[in-house]
Amino acid sequence: MDKHNTKFYSLKENIQTDSIYGRFTINLLSSLYEMELGLISERVSDTLKVKKENGKVYSKTPYGYDRDGKDLIENQKEKRLLRKMVSLKNKGFSYRDISKYLLRNRHKNKSGGKWTRENVYSVLKTYLNNEKITLQFC
């Protein structure tokens, strides 16, 4: 606000940014707001982590799982396809090559659409992170 030569006056709270006490109050309120945002972020992260660890739905249903109320259950057909995708990646296939393979063999993504390079990358990244698997390039 100083950069644009703007002053803030709050009649209800009696805050004025042209006084030292007004600037102090604004800075104090800004710091409290920033702290609250940080606390909310930590709480959300902790909640998502606990849900993920306990097999509960924490976002959209990941590929390889189906939703049963608030629980996630493994989809064996999708898990087999994920293992095939990892195998192809380990053999040196690019994400585009894997998507072409999936299209040739008429596999559909979670929403029933066509596989793209981006879908393959996203699904594999999520799967590898969740299963603690690393790619082994030859």
C-alpha atoms as a PDB file:
ATOM      1  CA  MET A   1       0.000   0.000   0.000  1.00  0.00           C
ATOM      2  CA  ASP A   2       2.954   2.316   0.671  1.00  0.00           C
ATOM      3  CA  LYS A   3       4.239   1.642  -2.851  1.00  0.00           C
ATOM      4  CA  HIS A   4       0.969   2.951  -4.296  1.00  0.00           C
ATOM      5  CA  ASN A   5       0.634   5.733  -1.725  1.00  0.00           C
ATOM      6  CA  THR A   6      -2.563   4.181  -0.346  1.00  0.00           C
ATOM      7  CA  LYS A   7      -3.810   4.524   3.200  1.00  0.00           C
ATOM      8  CA  PHE A   8      -6.129   2.130   5.020  1.00  0.00           C
ATOM      9  CA  TYR A   9      -8.699   3.327   7.528  1.00  0.00           C
ATOM     10  CA  SER A  10     -10.994   0.983   9.443  1.00  0.00           C
ATOM     11  CA  LEU A  11     -13.640   2.940  11.280  1.00  0.00           C
ATOM     12  CA  LYS A  12     -15.058  -0.038  13.166  1.00  0.00           C
ATOM     13  CA  GLU A  13     -11.679  -1.255  14.518  1.00  0.00           C
ATOM     14  CA  ASN A  14     -10.155   2.239  14.607  1.00  0.00           C
ATOM     15  CA  ILE A  15      -7.094   1.194  12.591  1.00  0.00           C
ATOM     16  CA  GLN A  16      -5.228   3.719  10.451  1.00  0.00           C
ATOM     17  CA  THR A  17      -2.116   2.833   8.483  1.00  0.00           C
ATOM     18  CA  ASP A  18      -0.782   6.387   8.611  1.00  0.00           C
ATOM     19  CA  SER A  19       0.103   5.927  12.297  1.00  0.00           C
ATOM     20  CA  ILE A  20       2.774   3.675  13.796  1.00  0.00           C
ATOM     21  CA  TYR A  21       0.169   1.857  15.913  1.00  0.00           C
ATOM     22  CA  GLY A  22      -2.065   1.281  12.882  1.00  0.00           C
ATOM     23  CA  ARG A  23       0.824  -0.216  10.869  1.00  0.00           C
ATOM     24  CA  PHE A  24       1.787  -2.350  13.877  1.00  0.00           C
ATOM     25  CA  THR A  25      -1.795  -3.636  14.198  1.00  0.00           C
ATOM     26  CA  ILE A  26      -2.018  -4.460  10.475  1.00  0.00           C
ATOM     27  CA  ASN A  27       1.337  -6.297  10.629  1.00  0.00           C
ATOM     28  CA  LEU A  28       0.249  -8.197  13.731  1.00  0.00           C
ATOM     29  CA  LEU A  29      -3.052  -9.231  12.131  1.00  0.00           C
ATOM     30  CA  SER A  30      -1.204 -10.256   8.944  1.00  0.00           C
ATOM     31  CA  SER A  31       1.178 -12.423  10.974  1.00  0.00           C
ATOM     32  CA  LEU A  32      -1.719 -14.092  12.795  1.00  0.00           C
ATOM     33  CA  TYR A  33      -3.463 -14.731   9.471  1.00  0.00           C
ATOM     34  CA  GLU A  34      -0.293 -16.288   8.030  1.00  0.00           C
ATOM     35  CA  MET A  35       0.108 -18.492  11.122  1.00  0.00           C
ATOM     36  CA  GLU A  36      -3.511 -19.651  10.870  1.00  0.00           C
ATOM     37  CA  LEU A  37      -3.023 -20.546   7.191  1.00  0.00           C
ATOM     38  CA  GLY A  38       0.052 -22.593   8.137  1.00  0.00           C
ATOM     39  CA  LEU A  39      -1.842 -24.415  10.897  1.00  0.00           C
ATOM     40  CA  ILE A  40      -4.723 -25.216   8.551  1.00  0.00           C
ATOM     41  CA  SER A  41      -2.273 -26.527   5.955  1.00  0.00           C
ATOM     42  CA  GLU A  42      -0.588 -28.783   8.544  1.00  0.00           C
ATOM     43  CA  ARG A  43      -3.949 -30.115   9.768  1.00  0.00           C
ATOM     44  CA  VAL A  44      -5.097 -30.918   6.241  1.00  0.00           C
ATOM     45  CA  SER A  45      -1.777 -32.645   5.436  1.00  0.00           C
ATOM     46  CA  ASP A  46      -1.946 -34.701   8.633  1.00  0.00           C
ATOM     47  CA  THR A  47      -5.560 -35.704   7.968  1.00  0.00           C
ATOM     48  CA  LEU A  48      -4.782 -36.771   4.392  1.00  0.00           C
ATOM     49  CA  LYS A  49      -1.746 -38.742   5.565  1.00  0.00           C
ATOM     50  CA  VAL A  50      -3.798 -40.652   8.174  1.00  0.00           C
ATOM     51  CA  LYS A  51      -6.563 -41.379   5.654  1.00  0.00           C
ATOM     52  CA  LYS A  52      -4.013 -42.591   3.097  1.00  0.00           C
ATOM     53  CA  GLU A  53      -2.283 -44.841   5.655  1.00  0.00           C
ATOM     54  CA  ASN A  54      -5.621 -46.367   6.722  1.00  0.00           C
ATOM     55  CA  GLY A  55      -6.868 -47.049   3.180  1.00  0.00           C
ATOM     56  CA  LYS A  56      -9.593 -44.402   3.320  1.00  0.00           C
ATOM     57  CA  VAL A  57     -10.657 -42.221   0.414  1.00  0.00           C
ATOM     58  CA  TYR A  58      -8.591 -39.025   0.546  1.00  0.00           C
ATOM     59  CA  SER A  59      -9.027 -37.664  -2.986  1.00  0.00           C
ATOM     60  CA  LYS A  60     -10.381 -38.915  -6.256  1.00  0.00           C
ATOM     61  CA  THR A  61     -10.154 -42.687  -6.501  1.00  0.00           C
ATOM     62  CA  PRO A  62      -6.640 -43.627  -7.640  1.00  0.00           C
ATOM     63  CA  TYR A  63      -6.092 -46.053 -10.504  1.00  0.00           C
ATOM     64  CA  GLY A  64      -5.763 -49.559  -9.069  1.00  0.00           C
ATOM     65  CA  TYR A  65      -8.481 -49.022  -6.467  1.00  0.00           C
ATOM     66  CA  ASP A  66     -12.251 -48.807  -6.302  1.00  0.00           C
ATOM     67  CA  ARG A  67     -14.287 -46.877  -3.796  1.00  0.00           C
ATOM     68  CA  ASP A  68     -16.504 -48.669  -1.287  1.00  0.00           C
ATOM     69  CA  GLY A  69     -18.140 -45.892   0.706  1.00  0.00           C
ATOM     70  CA  LYS A  70     -15.223 -44.192   2.463  1.00  0.00           C
ATOM     71  CA  ASP A  71     -12.877 -47.159   1.979  1.00  0.00           C
ATOM     72  CA  LEU A  72     -10.546 -48.012  -0.888  1.00  0.00           C
ATOM     73  CA  ILE A  73     -10.444 -51.583  -2.125  1.00  0.00           C
ATOM     74  CA  GLU A  74      -7.925 -52.934  -4.609  1.00  0.00           C
ATOM     75  CA  ASN A  75      -9.017 -53.450  -8.202  1.00  0.00           C
ATOM     76  CA  GLN A  76      -6.982 -56.485  -9.275  1.00  0.00           C
ATOM     77  CA  LYS A  77      -7.465 -55.900 -13.016  1.00  0.00           C
ATOM     78  CA  GLU A  78      -6.144 -52.333 -12.728  1.00  0.00           C
ATOM     79  CA  LYS A  79      -3.286 -53.475 -10.454  1.00  0.00           C
ATOM     80  CA  ARG A  80      -2.182 -56.007 -13.106  1.00  0.00           C
ATOM     81  CA  LEU A  81      -2.226 -53.273 -15.730  1.00  0.00           C
ATOM     82  CA  LEU A  82      -0.193 -50.997 -13.441  1.00  0.00           C
ATOM     83  CA  ARG A  83       2.422 -53.738 -13.005  1.00  0.00           C
ATOM     84  CA  LYS A  84       2.536 -54.141 -16.804  1.00  0.00           C
ATOM     85  CA  MET A  85       3.039 -50.379 -17.192  1.00  0.00           C
ATOM     86  CA  VAL A  86       5.921 -50.469 -14.672  1.00  0.00           C
ATOM     87  CA  SER A  87       7.418 -53.425 -16.535  1.00  0.00           C
ATOM     88  CA  LEU A  88       7.240 -51.546 -19.845  1.00  0.00           C
ATOM     89  CA  LYS A  89       8.812 -48.463 -18.259  1.00  0.00           C
ATOM     90  CA  ASN A  90      11.620 -50.606 -16.824  1.00  0.00           C
ATOM     91  CA  LYS A  91      12.225 -51.990 -20.329  1.00  0.00           C
ATOM     92  CA  GLY A  92      12.870 -48.447 -21.537  1.00  0.00           C
ATOM     93  CA  PHE A  93       9.475 -47.555 -22.985  1.00  0.00           C
ATOM     94  CA  SER A  94       8.605 -43.858 -22.865  1.00  0.00           C
ATOM     95  CA  TYR A  95       5.318 -42.672 -21.365  1.00  0.00           C
ATOM     96  CA  ARG A  96       4.073 -42.038 -24.913  1.00  0.00           C
ATOM     97  CA  ASP A  97       5.040 -45.585 -25.968  1.00  0.00           C
ATOM     98  CA  ILE A  98       3.181 -47.001 -22.977  1.00  0.00           C
ATOM     99  CA  SER A  99       0.075 -44.947 -23.821  1.00  0.00           C
ATOM    100  CA  LYS A 100       0.229 -46.239 -27.417  1.00  0.00           C
ATOM    101  CA  TYR A 101       0.496 -49.805 -26.093  1.00  0.00           C
ATOM    102  CA  LEU A 102      -2.547 -49.252 -23.875  1.00  0.00           C
ATOM    103  CA  LEU A 103      -4.547 -47.763 -26.757  1.00  0.00           C
ATOM    104  CA  ARG A 104      -3.569 -50.615 -29.118  1.00  0.00           C
ATOM    105  CA  ASN A 105      -4.775 -53.127 -26.558  1.00  0.00           C
ATOM    106  CA  ARG A 106      -7.996 -51.175 -25.894  1.00  0.00           C
ATOM    107  CA  HIS A 107      -7.347 -50.418 -22.230  1.00  0.00           C
ATOM    108  CA  LYS A 108      -9.331 -47.521 -20.771  1.00  0.00           C
ATOM    109  CA  ASN A 109      -8.251 -45.093 -18.048  1.00  0.00           C
ATOM    110  CA  LYS A 110     -10.183 -44.685 -14.785  1.00  0.00           C
ATOM    111  CA  SER A 111     -12.771 -42.387 -16.339  1.00  0.00           C
ATOM    112  CA  GLY A 112     -13.254 -44.722 -19.313  1.00  0.00           C
ATOM    113  CA  GLY A 113     -11.311 -42.493 -21.704  1.00  0.00           C
ATOM    114  CA  LYS A 114      -8.211 -42.943 -23.804  1.00  0.00           C
ATOM    115  CA  TRP A 115      -4.732 -43.077 -22.296  1.00  0.00           C
ATOM    116  CA  THR A 116      -2.395 -40.188 -22.968  1.00  0.00           C
ATOM    117  CA  ARG A 117       1.267 -39.692 -22.127  1.00  0.00           C
ATOM    118  CA  GLU A 118       0.189 -37.387 -19.288  1.00  0.00           C
ATOM    119  CA  ASN A 119      -2.302 -39.976 -17.893  1.00  0.00           C
ATOM    120  CA  VAL A 120       0.373 -42.669 -17.895  1.00  0.00           C
ATOM    121  CA  TYR A 121       2.909 -40.408 -16.180  1.00  0.00           C
ATOM    122  CA  SER A 122       0.415 -39.301 -13.500  1.00  0.00           C
ATOM    123  CA  VAL A 123      -0.915 -42.790 -12.785  1.00  0.00           C
ATOM    124  CA  LEU A 124       2.559 -44.329 -12.600  1.00  0.00           C
ATOM    125  CA  LYS A 125       3.859 -41.540 -10.377  1.00  0.00           C
ATOM    126  CA  THR A 126       0.960 -42.005  -7.941  1.00  0.00           C
ATOM    127  CA  TYR A 127       1.282 -45.798  -8.022  1.00  0.00           C
ATOM    128  CA  LEU A 128       5.046 -45.778  -7.495  1.00  0.00           C
ATOM    129  CA  ASN A 129       4.754 -43.318  -4.589  1.00  0.00           C
ATOM    130  CA  ASN A 130       1.955 -45.269  -2.902  1.00  0.00           C
ATOM    131  CA  GLU A 131       3.570 -48.673  -3.341  1.00  0.00           C
ATOM    132  CA  LYS A 132       7.125 -47.463  -2.553  1.00  0.00           C
ATOM    133  CA  ILE A 133       8.352 -48.951  -5.848  1.00  0.00           C
ATOM    134  CA  THR A 134      11.245 -47.533  -7.818  1.00  0.00           C
ATOM    135  CA  LEU A 135      11.821 -47.893 -11.524  1.00  0.00           C
ATOM    136  CA  GLN A 136      14.812 -50.026 -12.461  1.00  0.00           C
ATOM    137  CA  PHE A 137      16.199 -48.912 -15.789  1.00  0.00           C
ATOM    138  CA  CYS A 138      18.268 -51.439 -17.683  1.00  0.00           C
END
